[in-house]
C-alpha atoms as a PDB file:
ATOM      1  CA  MET A   1    -158.282-251.813-109.182  1.00  0.00           C
ATOM      2  CA  GLU A   2    -159.783-255.272-109.758  1.00  0.00           C
ATOM      3  CA  PHE A   3    -158.442-256.409-106.401  1.00  0.00           C
ATOM      4  CA  PHE A   4    -160.375-253.685-104.594  1.00  0.00           C
ATOM      5  CA  THR A   5    -163.587-254.207-106.572  1.00  0.00           C
ATOM      6  CA  GLU A   6    -163.443-257.935-105.945  1.00  0.00           C
ATOM      7  CA  PHE A   7    -162.431-257.554-102.300  1.00  0.00           C
ATOM      8  CA  PRO A   8    -164.496-260.144-100.386  1.00  0.00           C
ATOM      9  CA  GLU A   9    -167.595-258.746 -98.741  1.00  0.00           C
ATOM     10  CA  MET A  10    -166.708-260.659 -95.577  1.00  0.00           C
ATOM     11  CA  GLU A  11    -163.404-258.798 -95.257  1.00  0.00           C
ATOM     12  CA  ARG A  12    -165.155-255.467 -95.740  1.00  0.00           C
ATOM     13  CA  GLY A  13    -167.601-256.410 -93.018  1.00  0.00           C
ATOM     14  CA  ALA A  14    -164.711-257.247 -90.688  1.00  0.00           C
ATOM     15  CA  LEU A  15    -163.187-253.813 -91.357  1.00  0.00           C
ATOM     16  CA  ARG A  16    -166.502-252.109 -90.619  1.00  0.00           C
ATOM     17  CA  ASP A  17    -166.802-254.050 -87.376  1.00  0.00           C
ATOM     18  CA  LEU A  18    -163.256-253.027 -86.423  1.00  0.00           C
ATOM     19  CA  LYS A  19    -164.050-249.362 -87.033  1.00  0.00           C
ATOM     20  CA  LYS A  20    -167.244-249.598 -84.988  1.00  0.00           C
ATOM     21  CA  THR A  21    -165.352-251.314 -82.158  1.00  0.00           C
ATOM     22  CA  ILE A  22    -162.692-248.589 -82.091  1.00  0.00           C
ATOM     23  CA  ASP A  23    -165.324-245.828 -82.096  1.00  0.00           C
ATOM     24  CA  GLN A  24    -167.383-247.493 -79.376  1.00  0.00           C
ATOM     25  CA  ASN A  25    -164.386-248.156 -77.120  1.00  0.00           C
ATOM     26  CA  PHE A  26    -163.154-244.583 -77.456  1.00  0.00           C
ATOM     27  CA  ARG A  27    -166.625-243.216 -76.634  1.00  0.00           C
ATOM     28  CA  GLU A  28    -166.763-245.395 -73.537  1.00  0.00           C
ATOM     29  CA  PHE A  29    -163.254-244.285 -72.556  1.00  0.00           C
ATOM     30  CA  SER A  30    -164.175-240.605 -72.969  1.00  0.00           C
ATOM     31  CA  ARG A  31    -167.343-241.047 -70.886  1.00  0.00           C
ATOM     32  CA  GLU A  32    -165.441-242.891 -68.172  1.00  0.00           C
ATOM     33  CA  TYR A  33    -162.282-240.811 -67.922  1.00  0.00           C
ATOM     34  CA  GLY A  34    -163.080-237.561 -69.749  1.00  0.00           C
ATOM     35  CA  GLU A  35    -163.965-235.678 -66.565  1.00  0.00           C
ATOM     36  CA  ASN A  36    -160.791-236.840 -64.790  1.00  0.00           C
ATOM     37  CA  ILE A  37    -158.677-235.736 -67.758  1.00  0.00           C
ATOM     38  CA  GLU A  38    -160.402-232.338 -67.716  1.00  0.00           C
ATOM     39  CA  ASN A  39    -159.659-231.977 -64.003  1.00  0.00           C
ATOM     40  CA  PHE A  40    -156.016-232.813 -64.665  1.00  0.00           C
ATOM     41  CA  PHE A  41    -155.747-229.849 -67.038  1.00  0.00           C
ATOM     42  CA  ASP A  42    -157.566-227.407 -64.727  1.00  0.00           C
ATOM     43  CA  PRO A  43    -154.318-225.744 -63.476  1.00  0.00           C
ATOM     44  CA  LEU A  44    -153.227-225.172 -67.077  1.00  0.00           C
ATOM     45  CA  LEU A  45    -156.630-223.698 -67.921  1.00  0.00           C
ATOM     46  CA  TRP A  46    -156.448-221.423 -64.886  1.00  0.00           C
ATOM     47  CA  PHE A  47    -152.980-220.172 -65.840  1.00  0.00           C
ATOM     48  CA  LEU A  48    -153.996-219.554 -69.454  1.00  0.00           C
ATOM     49  CA  ALA A  49    -157.141-217.658 -68.407  1.00  0.00           C
ATOM     50  CA  TRP A  50    -155.159-215.645 -65.823  1.00  0.00           C
ATOM     51  CA  LEU A  51    -152.479-214.647 -68.334  1.00  0.00           C
ATOM     52  CA  GLN A  52    -155.056-213.688 -70.947  1.00  0.00           C
ATOM     53  CA  ASP A  53    -157.037-211.579 -68.452  1.00  0.00           C
ATOM     54  CA  LEU A  54    -153.807-209.944 -67.263  1.00  0.00           C
ATOM     55  CA  LEU A  55    -152.744-208.955 -70.778  1.00  0.00           C
ATOM     56  CA  VAL A  56    -156.199-207.652 -71.687  1.00  0.00           C
ATOM     57  CA  ALA A  57    -156.675-205.708 -68.449  1.00  0.00           C
ATOM     58  CA  ALA A  58    -153.183-204.201 -68.295  1.00  0.00           C
ATOM     59  CA  PRO A  59    -152.769-200.657 -69.716  1.00  0.00           C
ATOM     60  CA  TRP A  60    -151.670-200.871 -73.325  1.00  0.00           C
ATOM     61  CA  PRO A  61    -148.616-198.568 -72.889  1.00  0.00           C
ATOM     62  CA  LEU A  62    -147.336-200.864 -70.140  1.00  0.00           C
ATOM     63  CA  VAL A  63    -147.849-203.978 -72.272  1.00  0.00           C
ATOM     64  CA  ILE A  64    -146.051-202.408 -75.234  1.00  0.00           C
ATOM     65  CA  LEU A  65    -143.215-201.257 -72.959  1.00  0.00           C
ATOM     66  CA  VAL A  66    -142.751-204.762 -71.523  1.00  0.00           C
ATOM     67  CA  ILE A  67    -142.863-206.396 -74.953  1.00  0.00           C
ATOM     68  CA  ALA A  68    -140.402-203.835 -76.343  1.00  0.00           C
ATOM     69  CA  GLY A  69    -138.090-204.503 -73.383  1.00  0.00           C
ATOM     70  CA  LEU A  70    -138.209-208.250 -74.032  1.00  0.00           C
ATOM     71  CA  ALA A  71    -137.549-207.624 -77.727  1.00  0.00           C
ATOM     72  CA  TRP A  72    -134.484-205.551 -76.823  1.00  0.00           C
ATOM     73  CA  LEU A  73    -133.165-208.179 -74.411  1.00  0.00           C
ATOM     74  CA  GLY A  74    -133.533-210.843 -77.082  1.00  0.00           C
ATOM     75  CA  SER A  75    -132.368-209.039 -80.185  1.00  0.00           C
ATOM     76  CA  ARG A  76    -130.358-206.005 -78.994  1.00  0.00           C
ATOM     77  CA  SER A  77    -131.573-204.354 -82.195  1.00  0.00           C
ATOM     78  CA  VAL A  78    -133.133-200.892 -82.313  1.00  0.00           C
ATOM     79  CA  LYS A  79    -134.840-201.769 -85.601  1.00  0.00           C
ATOM     80  CA  VAL A  80    -136.561-204.791 -84.078  1.00  0.00           C
ATOM     81  CA  VAL A  81    -137.694-202.793 -81.037  1.00  0.00           C
ATOM     82  CA  VAL A  82    -139.057-199.940 -83.159  1.00  0.00           C
ATOM     83  CA  GLY A  83    -140.794-202.411 -85.468  1.00  0.00           C
ATOM     84  CA  THR A  84    -142.322-204.159 -82.453  1.00  0.00           C
ATOM     85  CA  ILE A  85    -143.671-200.908 -81.011  1.00  0.00           C
ATOM     86  CA  LEU A  86    -145.093-199.750 -84.348  1.00  0.00           C
ATOM     87  CA  SER A  87    -146.699-203.153 -84.968  1.00  0.00           C
ATOM     88  CA  PHE A  88    -148.505-203.177 -81.619  1.00  0.00           C
ATOM     89  CA  LEU A  89    -149.582-199.563 -82.025  1.00  0.00           C
ATOM     90  CA  ALA A  90    -151.086-200.461 -85.416  1.00  0.00           C
ATOM     91  CA  ILE A  91    -152.781-203.523 -83.915  1.00  0.00           C
ATOM     92  CA  GLY A  92    -154.385-201.359 -81.229  1.00  0.00           C
ATOM     93  CA  TYR A  93    -155.356-198.638 -83.707  1.00  0.00           C
ATOM     94  CA  PHE A  94    -157.231-201.112 -85.922  1.00  0.00           C
ATOM     95  CA  GLY A  95    -159.139-202.608 -82.980  1.00  0.00           C
ATOM     96  CA  MET A  96    -157.365-205.968 -82.733  1.00  0.00           C
ATOM     97  CA  TRP A  97    -155.794-205.490 -79.306  1.00  0.00           C
ATOM     98  CA  GLU A  98    -157.868-207.960 -77.250  1.00  0.00           C
ATOM     99  CA  ASP A  99    -157.644-210.710 -79.868  1.00  0.00           C
ATOM    100  CA  THR A 100    -153.883-210.152 -80.113  1.00  0.00           C
ATOM    101  CA  MET A 101    -153.492-210.389 -76.330  1.00  0.00           C
ATOM    102  CA  ALA A 102    -155.483-213.655 -76.329  1.00  0.00           C
ATOM    103  CA  THR A 103    -153.228-214.998 -79.082  1.00  0.00           C
ATOM    104  CA  LEU A 104    -150.115-213.909 -77.172  1.00  0.00           C
ATOM    105  CA  ALA A 105    -151.411-215.726 -74.082  1.00  0.00           C
ATOM    106  CA  ILE A 106    -152.017-219.057 -75.789  1.00  0.00           C
ATOM    107  CA  ILE A 107    -148.756-218.883 -77.792  1.00  0.00           C
ATOM    108  CA  SER A 108    -146.800-218.065 -74.607  1.00  0.00           C
ATOM    109  CA  VAL A 109    -148.378-220.918 -72.642  1.00  0.00           C
ATOM    110  CA  ALA A 110    -148.068-223.379 -75.545  1.00  0.00           C
ATOM    111  CA  THR A 111    -144.396-222.493 -76.046  1.00  0.00           C
ATOM    112  CA  THR A 112    -143.729-222.874 -72.322  1.00  0.00           C
ATOM    113  CA  VAL A 113    -145.387-226.309 -72.297  1.00  0.00           C
ATOM    114  CA  CYS A 114    -143.469-227.380 -75.418  1.00  0.00           C
ATOM    115  CA  ILE A 115    -140.155-226.265 -73.885  1.00  0.00           C
ATOM    116  CA  ALA A 116    -140.912-227.962 -70.550  1.00  0.00           C
ATOM    117  CA  LEU A 117    -141.735-231.259 -72.280  1.00  0.00           C
ATOM    118  CA  GLY A 118    -139.585-231.037 -75.407  1.00  0.00           C
ATOM    119  CA  ILE A 119    -136.149-230.318 -73.940  1.00  0.00           C
ATOM    120  CA  PRO A 120    -136.188-233.277 -71.487  1.00  0.00           C
ATOM    121  CA  LEU A 121    -137.447-235.527 -74.277  1.00  0.00           C
ATOM    122  CA  GLY A 122    -134.685-234.284 -76.584  1.00  0.00           C
ATOM    123  CA  ILE A 123    -132.123-234.940 -73.836  1.00  0.00           C
ATOM    124  CA  LEU A 124    -133.487-238.472 -73.482  1.00  0.00           C
ATOM    125  CA  MET A 125    -133.175-239.024 -77.236  1.00  0.00           C
ATOM    126  CA  ALA A 126    -129.604-237.716 -77.211  1.00  0.00           C
ATOM    127  CA  ARG A 127    -128.725-240.040 -74.349  1.00  0.00           C
ATOM    128  CA  SER A 128    -130.251-243.197 -75.843  1.00  0.00           C
ATOM    129  CA  ASP A 129    -130.258-244.375 -79.453  1.00  0.00           C
ATOM    130  CA  ARG A 130    -133.139-246.689 -78.603  1.00  0.00           C
ATOM    131  CA  ALA A 131    -135.213-243.768 -77.305  1.00  0.00           C
ATOM    132  CA  GLN A 132    -134.396-241.844 -80.477  1.00  0.00           C
ATOM    133  CA  ALA A 133    -135.525-244.760 -82.625  1.00  0.00           C
ATOM    134  CA  LEU A 134    -138.813-244.955 -80.696  1.00  0.00           C
ATOM    135  CA  VAL A 135    -139.598-241.232 -80.499  1.00  0.00           C
ATOM    136  CA  THR A 136    -138.616-240.195 -84.039  1.00  0.00           C
ATOM    137  CA  PRO A 137    -141.549-241.994 -85.773  1.00  0.00           C
ATOM    138  CA  VAL A 138    -143.936-240.430 -83.257  1.00  0.00           C
ATOM    139  CA  LEU A 139    -142.552-236.975 -84.084  1.00  0.00           C
ATOM    140  CA  ASP A 140    -142.921-237.739 -87.795  1.00  0.00           C
ATOM    141  CA  VAL A 141    -146.591-238.569 -87.278  1.00  0.00           C
ATOM    142  CA  MET A 142    -147.164-235.440 -85.157  1.00  0.00           C
ATOM    143  CA  GLN A 143    -145.662-233.238 -87.879  1.00  0.00           C
ATOM    144  CA  THR A 144    -147.388-234.831 -90.872  1.00  0.00           C
ATOM    145  CA  ILE A 145    -150.849-235.894 -89.678  1.00  0.00           C
ATOM    146  CA  PRO A 146    -153.516-233.279 -90.526  1.00  0.00           C
ATOM    147  CA  ALA A 147    -154.485-231.181 -87.526  1.00  0.00           C
ATOM    148  CA  PHE A 148    -158.166-231.971 -88.026  1.00  0.00           C
ATOM    149  CA  VAL A 149    -157.444-235.668 -87.422  1.00  0.00           C
ATOM    150  CA  TYR A 150    -156.064-235.308 -83.907  1.00  0.00           C
ATOM    151  CA  LEU A 151    -158.620-232.621 -83.106  1.00  0.00           C
ATOM    152  CA  ILE A 152    -161.279-235.360 -83.159  1.00  0.00           C
ATOM    153  CA  PRO A 153    -160.080-237.353 -80.082  1.00  0.00           C
ATOM    154  CA  VAL A 154    -159.078-234.168 -78.240  1.00  0.00           C
ATOM    155  CA  VAL A 155    -162.535-232.647 -78.688  1.00  0.00           C
ATOM    156  CA  MET A 156    -164.245-235.938 -77.816  1.00  0.00           C
ATOM    157  CA  LEU A 157    -162.281-236.110 -74.552  1.00  0.00           C
ATOM    158  CA  LEU A 158    -162.261-232.462 -73.496  1.00  0.00           C
ATOM    159  CA  GLY A 159    -165.016-230.813 -75.512  1.00  0.00           C
ATOM    160  CA  ILE A 160    -164.780-227.298 -76.939  1.00  0.00           C
ATOM    161  CA  GLY A 161    -162.603-224.740 -75.189  1.00  0.00           C
ATOM    162  CA  LYS A 162    -159.163-223.330 -74.521  1.00  0.00           C
ATOM    163  CA  VAL A 163    -157.479-226.485 -73.211  1.00  0.00           C
ATOM    164  CA  PRO A 164    -158.313-228.683 -76.241  1.00  0.00           C
ATOM    165  CA  GLY A 165    -157.007-225.905 -78.492  1.00  0.00           C
ATOM    166  CA  LEU A 166    -153.856-225.587 -76.405  1.00  0.00           C
ATOM    167  CA  ILE A 167    -153.242-229.341 -76.569  1.00  0.00           C
ATOM    168  CA  ALA A 168    -153.732-229.309 -80.339  1.00  0.00           C
ATOM    169  CA  VAL A 169    -151.250-226.436 -80.682  1.00  0.00           C
ATOM    170  CA  CYS A 170    -148.693-228.271 -78.517  1.00  0.00           C
ATOM    171  CA  ILE A 171    -149.032-231.516 -80.498  1.00  0.00           C
ATOM    172  CA  TYR A 172    -148.319-229.657 -83.707  1.00  0.00           C
ATOM    173  CA  ALA A 173    -145.576-227.377 -82.355  1.00  0.00           C
ATOM    174  CA  ILE A 174    -143.480-229.598 -80.070  1.00  0.00           C
ATOM    175  CA  PRO A 175    -141.509-231.718 -82.617  1.00  0.00           C
ATOM    176  CA  PRO A 176    -138.964-229.002 -83.607  1.00  0.00           C
ATOM    177  CA  ILE A 177    -137.802-228.330 -80.053  1.00  0.00           C
ATOM    178  CA  VAL A 178    -137.427-232.080 -79.428  1.00  0.00           C
ATOM    179  CA  ARG A 179    -135.509-232.711 -82.645  1.00  0.00           C
ATOM    180  CA  LEU A 180    -133.168-229.735 -82.357  1.00  0.00           C
ATOM    181  CA  THR A 181    -132.417-230.355 -78.667  1.00  0.00           C
ATOM    182  CA  ASN A 182    -131.427-233.898 -79.569  1.00  0.00           C
ATOM    183  CA  LEU A 183    -129.366-232.659 -82.524  1.00  0.00           C
ATOM    184  CA  GLY A 184    -127.665-229.892 -80.540  1.00  0.00           C
ATOM    185  CA  ILE A 185    -126.532-232.252 -77.779  1.00  0.00           C
ATOM    186  CA  ARG A 186    -125.318-234.858 -80.255  1.00  0.00           C
ATOM    187  CA  LEU A 187    -123.281-232.204 -82.118  1.00  0.00           C
ATOM    188  CA  VAL A 188    -121.284-231.221 -79.036  1.00  0.00           C
ATOM    189  CA  GLU A 189    -117.594-231.868 -79.743  1.00  0.00           C
ATOM    190  CA  LYS A 190    -116.119-235.011 -78.250  1.00  0.00           C
ATOM    191  CA  GLU A 191    -113.100-233.032 -77.071  1.00  0.00           C
ATOM    192  CA  ALA A 192    -115.334-230.942 -74.795  1.00  0.00           C
ATOM    193  CA  LEU A 193    -116.882-234.075 -73.309  1.00  0.00           C
ATOM    194  CA  GLU A 194    -113.477-235.691 -72.853  1.00  0.00           C
ATOM    195  CA  ALA A 195    -112.252-232.579 -71.048  1.00  0.00           C
ATOM    196  CA  ALA A 196    -115.285-232.685 -68.734  1.00  0.00           C
ATOM    197  CA  ASP A 197    -114.632-236.376 -68.023  1.00  0.00           C
ATOM    198  CA  ALA A 198    -110.988-235.618 -67.318  1.00  0.00           C
ATOM    199  CA  PHE A 199    -112.066-233.148 -64.610  1.00  0.00           C
ATOM    200  CA  GLY A 200    -114.217-235.844 -63.013  1.00  0.00           C
ATOM    201  CA  ALA A 201    -117.616-234.491 -64.036  1.00  0.00           C
ATOM    202  CA  ASN A 202    -120.584-236.822 -63.581  1.00  0.00           C
ATOM    203  CA  TYR A 203    -123.450-237.093 -66.091  1.00  0.00           C
ATOM    204  CA  SER A 204    -125.485-234.242 -64.604  1.00  0.00           C
ATOM    205  CA  GLN A 205    -122.485-231.907 -64.434  1.00  0.00           C
ATOM    206  CA  ARG A 206    -121.488-232.752 -67.988  1.00  0.00           C
ATOM    207  CA  LEU A 207    -125.053-232.218 -69.235  1.00  0.00           C
ATOM    208  CA  LEU A 208    -125.732-228.950 -67.400  1.00  0.00           C
ATOM    209  CA  GLY A 209    -122.219-227.515 -67.604  1.00  0.00           C
ATOM    210  CA  VAL A 210    -121.086-228.576 -71.077  1.00  0.00           C
ATOM    211  CA  GLN A 211    -123.685-230.123 -73.362  1.00  0.00           C
ATOM    212  CA  LEU A 212    -126.683-227.847 -72.814  1.00  0.00           C
ATOM    213  CA  PRO A 213    -124.688-224.577 -72.922  1.00  0.00           C
ATOM    214  CA  LEU A 214    -122.987-225.628 -76.160  1.00  0.00           C
ATOM    215  CA  ALA A 215    -126.304-226.833 -77.608  1.00  0.00           C
ATOM    216  CA  LEU A 216    -128.173-223.591 -76.798  1.00  0.00           C
ATOM    217  CA  PRO A 217    -128.020-222.171 -80.358  1.00  0.00           C
ATOM    218  CA  ASN A 218    -129.728-225.295 -81.703  1.00  0.00           C
ATOM    219  CA  ILE A 219    -132.204-225.321 -78.831  1.00  0.00           C
ATOM    220  CA  PHE A 220    -133.177-221.715 -79.491  1.00  0.00           C
ATOM    221  CA  ALA A 221    -133.574-222.535 -83.177  1.00  0.00           C
ATOM    222  CA  GLY A 222    -136.031-225.196 -82.015  1.00  0.00           C
ATOM    223  CA  VAL A 223    -137.832-222.645 -79.849  1.00  0.00           C
ATOM    224  CA  ASN A 224    -138.053-220.351 -82.865  1.00  0.00           C
ATOM    225  CA  GLN A 225    -139.626-223.060 -85.015  1.00  0.00           C
ATOM    226  CA  THR A 226    -141.976-224.099 -82.208  1.00  0.00           C
ATOM    227  CA  ILE A 227    -143.292-220.528 -81.918  1.00  0.00           C
ATOM    228  CA  MET A 228    -143.772-220.284 -85.684  1.00  0.00           C
ATOM    229  CA  MET A 229    -145.689-223.557 -85.817  1.00  0.00           C
ATOM    230  CA  ALA A 230    -147.818-222.564 -82.816  1.00  0.00           C
ATOM    231  CA  LEU A 231    -148.759-219.313 -84.555  1.00  0.00           C
ATOM    232  CA  SER A 232    -149.693-221.236 -87.688  1.00  0.00           C
ATOM    233  CA  MET A 233    -152.254-223.175 -85.617  1.00  0.00           C
ATOM    234  CA  VAL A 234    -154.065-220.054 -84.375  1.00  0.00           C
ATOM    235  CA  VAL A 235    -156.826-220.188 -86.995  1.00  0.00           C
ATOM    236  CA  ILE A 236    -157.406-223.942 -86.645  1.00  0.00           C
ATOM    237  CA  ALA A 237    -157.493-223.697 -82.848  1.00  0.00           C
ATOM    238  CA  SER A 238    -160.172-221.001 -83.129  1.00  0.00           C
ATOM    239  CA  MET A 239    -162.480-223.641 -84.600  1.00  0.00           C
ATOM    240  CA  ILE A 240    -162.678-225.381 -81.225  1.00  0.00           C
ATOM    241  CA  GLY A 241    -163.225-222.340 -79.047  1.00  0.00           C
ATOM    242  CA  VAL A 242    -159.809-220.710 -78.636  1.00  0.00           C
ATOM    243  CA  ALA A 243    -160.077-216.925 -78.515  1.00  0.00           C
ATOM    244  CA  GLY A 244    -157.617-214.826 -80.475  1.00  0.00           C
ATOM    245  CA  LEU A 245    -156.848-213.535 -83.940  1.00  0.00           C
ATOM    246  CA  GLY A 246    -158.024-216.782 -85.495  1.00  0.00           C
ATOM    247  CA  VAL A 247    -161.664-216.113 -84.561  1.00  0.00           C
ATOM    248  CA  PRO A 248    -162.150-213.050 -86.816  1.00  0.00           C
ATOM    249  CA  VAL A 249    -160.201-214.808 -89.586  1.00  0.00           C
ATOM    250  CA  LEU A 250    -162.571-217.757 -89.344  1.00  0.00           C
ATOM    251  CA  ARG A 251    -165.557-215.395 -89.285  1.00  0.00           C
ATOM    252  CA  SER A 252    -164.247-213.571 -92.353  1.00  0.00           C
ATOM    253  CA  ILE A 253    -164.012-216.890 -94.223  1.00  0.00           C
ATOM    254  CA  SER A 254    -167.610-217.772 -93.329  1.00  0.00           C
ATOM    255  CA  ASN A 255    -168.984-214.346 -94.280  1.00  0.00           C
ATOM    256  CA  GLN A 256    -166.519-213.380 -97.029  1.00  0.00           C
ATOM    257  CA  TYR A 257    -165.183-210.337 -95.156  1.00  0.00           C
ATOM    258  CA  LEU A 258    -161.953-209.685 -97.047  1.00  0.00           C
ATOM    259  CA  ALA A 259    -160.807-206.656 -95.034  1.00  0.00           C
ATOM    260  CA  LEU A 260    -161.424-208.352 -91.661  1.00  0.00           C
ATOM    261  CA  GLY A 261    -159.536-211.486 -92.641  1.00  0.00           C
ATOM    262  CA  LEU A 262    -156.677-209.562 -94.217  1.00  0.00           C
ATOM    263  CA  MET A 263    -156.148-207.277 -91.221  1.00  0.00           C
ATOM    264  CA  ASN A 264    -156.174-210.080 -88.654  1.00  0.00           C
ATOM    265  CA  GLY A 265    -154.027-212.252 -90.894  1.00  0.00           C
ATOM    266  CA  LEU A 266    -151.468-209.453 -91.119  1.00  0.00           C
ATOM    267  CA  ALA A 267    -151.541-209.136 -87.320  1.00  0.00           C
ATOM    268  CA  ILE A 268    -150.626-212.835 -87.069  1.00  0.00           C
ATOM    269  CA  VAL A 269    -147.832-212.242 -89.592  1.00  0.00           C
ATOM    270  CA  ALA A 270    -146.560-209.285 -87.532  1.00  0.00           C
ATOM    271  CA  LEU A 271    -146.410-211.437 -84.391  1.00  0.00           C
ATOM    272  CA  ALA A 272    -144.618-214.177 -86.305  1.00  0.00           C
ATOM    273  CA  ILE A 273    -142.006-211.748 -87.663  1.00  0.00           C
ATOM    274  CA  ILE A 274    -141.397-210.224 -84.214  1.00  0.00           C
ATOM    275  CA  PHE A 275    -140.983-213.624 -82.546  1.00  0.00           C
ATOM    276  CA  ASP A 276    -138.820-214.862 -85.416  1.00  0.00           C
ATOM    277  CA  ARG A 277    -136.449-211.879 -85.408  1.00  0.00           C
ATOM    278  CA  VAL A 278    -136.054-211.780 -81.627  1.00  0.00           C
ATOM    279  CA  SER A 279    -135.442-215.514 -81.167  1.00  0.00           C
ATOM    280  CA  GLN A 280    -133.264-215.737 -84.284  1.00  0.00           C
ATOM    281  CA  GLN A 281    -130.996-212.883 -83.281  1.00  0.00           C
ATOM    282  CA  TYR A 282    -130.742-214.207 -79.738  1.00  0.00           C
ATOM    283  CA  GLY A 283    -129.663-217.554 -81.151  1.00  0.00           C
ATOM    284  CA  GLU A 284    -127.086-215.843 -83.368  1.00  0.00           C
ATOM    285  CA  ARG A 285    -125.656-214.031 -80.344  1.00  0.00           C
ATOM    286  CA  LEU A 286    -125.368-217.324 -78.515  1.00  0.00           C
ATOM    287  CA  GLN A 287    -123.611-218.813 -81.534  1.00  0.00           C
ATOM    288  CA  LYS A 288    -121.096-215.943 -81.625  1.00  0.00           C
ATOM    289  CA  HIS A 289    -120.543-216.292 -77.888  1.00  0.00           C
ATOM    290  CA  ARG A 290    -119.908-220.014 -78.325  1.00  0.00           C
ATOM    291  CA  LYS A 291    -117.438-219.415 -81.140  1.00  0.00           C
ATOM    292  CA  GLY A 292    -115.674-216.824 -79.016  1.00  0.00           C
ATOM    293  CA  ILE A 293    -115.304-219.322 -76.166  1.00  0.00           C
ATOM    294  CA  ASN A 294    -114.026-222.019 -78.508  1.00  0.00           C
ATOM    295  CA  HIS A 295    -111.570-219.577 -80.075  1.00  0.00           C
ATOM    296  CA  ASP A 296    -110.234-218.578 -76.682  1.00  0.00           C
END
């Protein structure tokens, strides 16, 4: 402790100047390029708003039917389908339908973005040990840094709204899909790769025809974790203007509305359980299919 109390005043002044320089440069950067960055994300904002409006405007029986159909395709379980239908009926009955549809929209878009960026990055890590060594620390930081810390530059650049919230959700949720894609490809048996090489397959054919199909169970486990982490960010994202179930939860915290917070929190839990069961059982089916192929 003596070292810190006797720390030279000159060094403390240098640290203060460094902090001021960083803050000033970032403010200038946001003023100079903030509008261009916002314009870059306009298509993503349009798609998110369109999907949210579509889910809210669509008749609720049709939405439930589509979601139940997707649950059946993923899980092939009557219990999961019945649970999904009952959960959405309860959500509508308690007046949380629009907020749930907004949450579904942002989770769907965030998961799509994470898959589109995470799988290629995981493939790159699996292909290159150097890329893995460079990307892994970045993923560690993304998973461990408090969400409020990276909300600061995002809000400074893009302001309050759906896109900053979506970016924050993606930053927090993308590491699992990257890690498990990399792991799944690296765990592919050498015998399978040697067989592909023996048939004269090039890198693309080996990747698309052998490695990715065999790595699908791990990849879907990554998708499962990405969805769970995206759902866990719903309340935090509501603090910067993202509509959904997080908004009433945040309002219940501010006004001490226990029933409001509990009901919307349970709705988030219901969505998490549905997504978890569907993606988990789909991954298990892929794993059984893989074992069946290997056995044959």
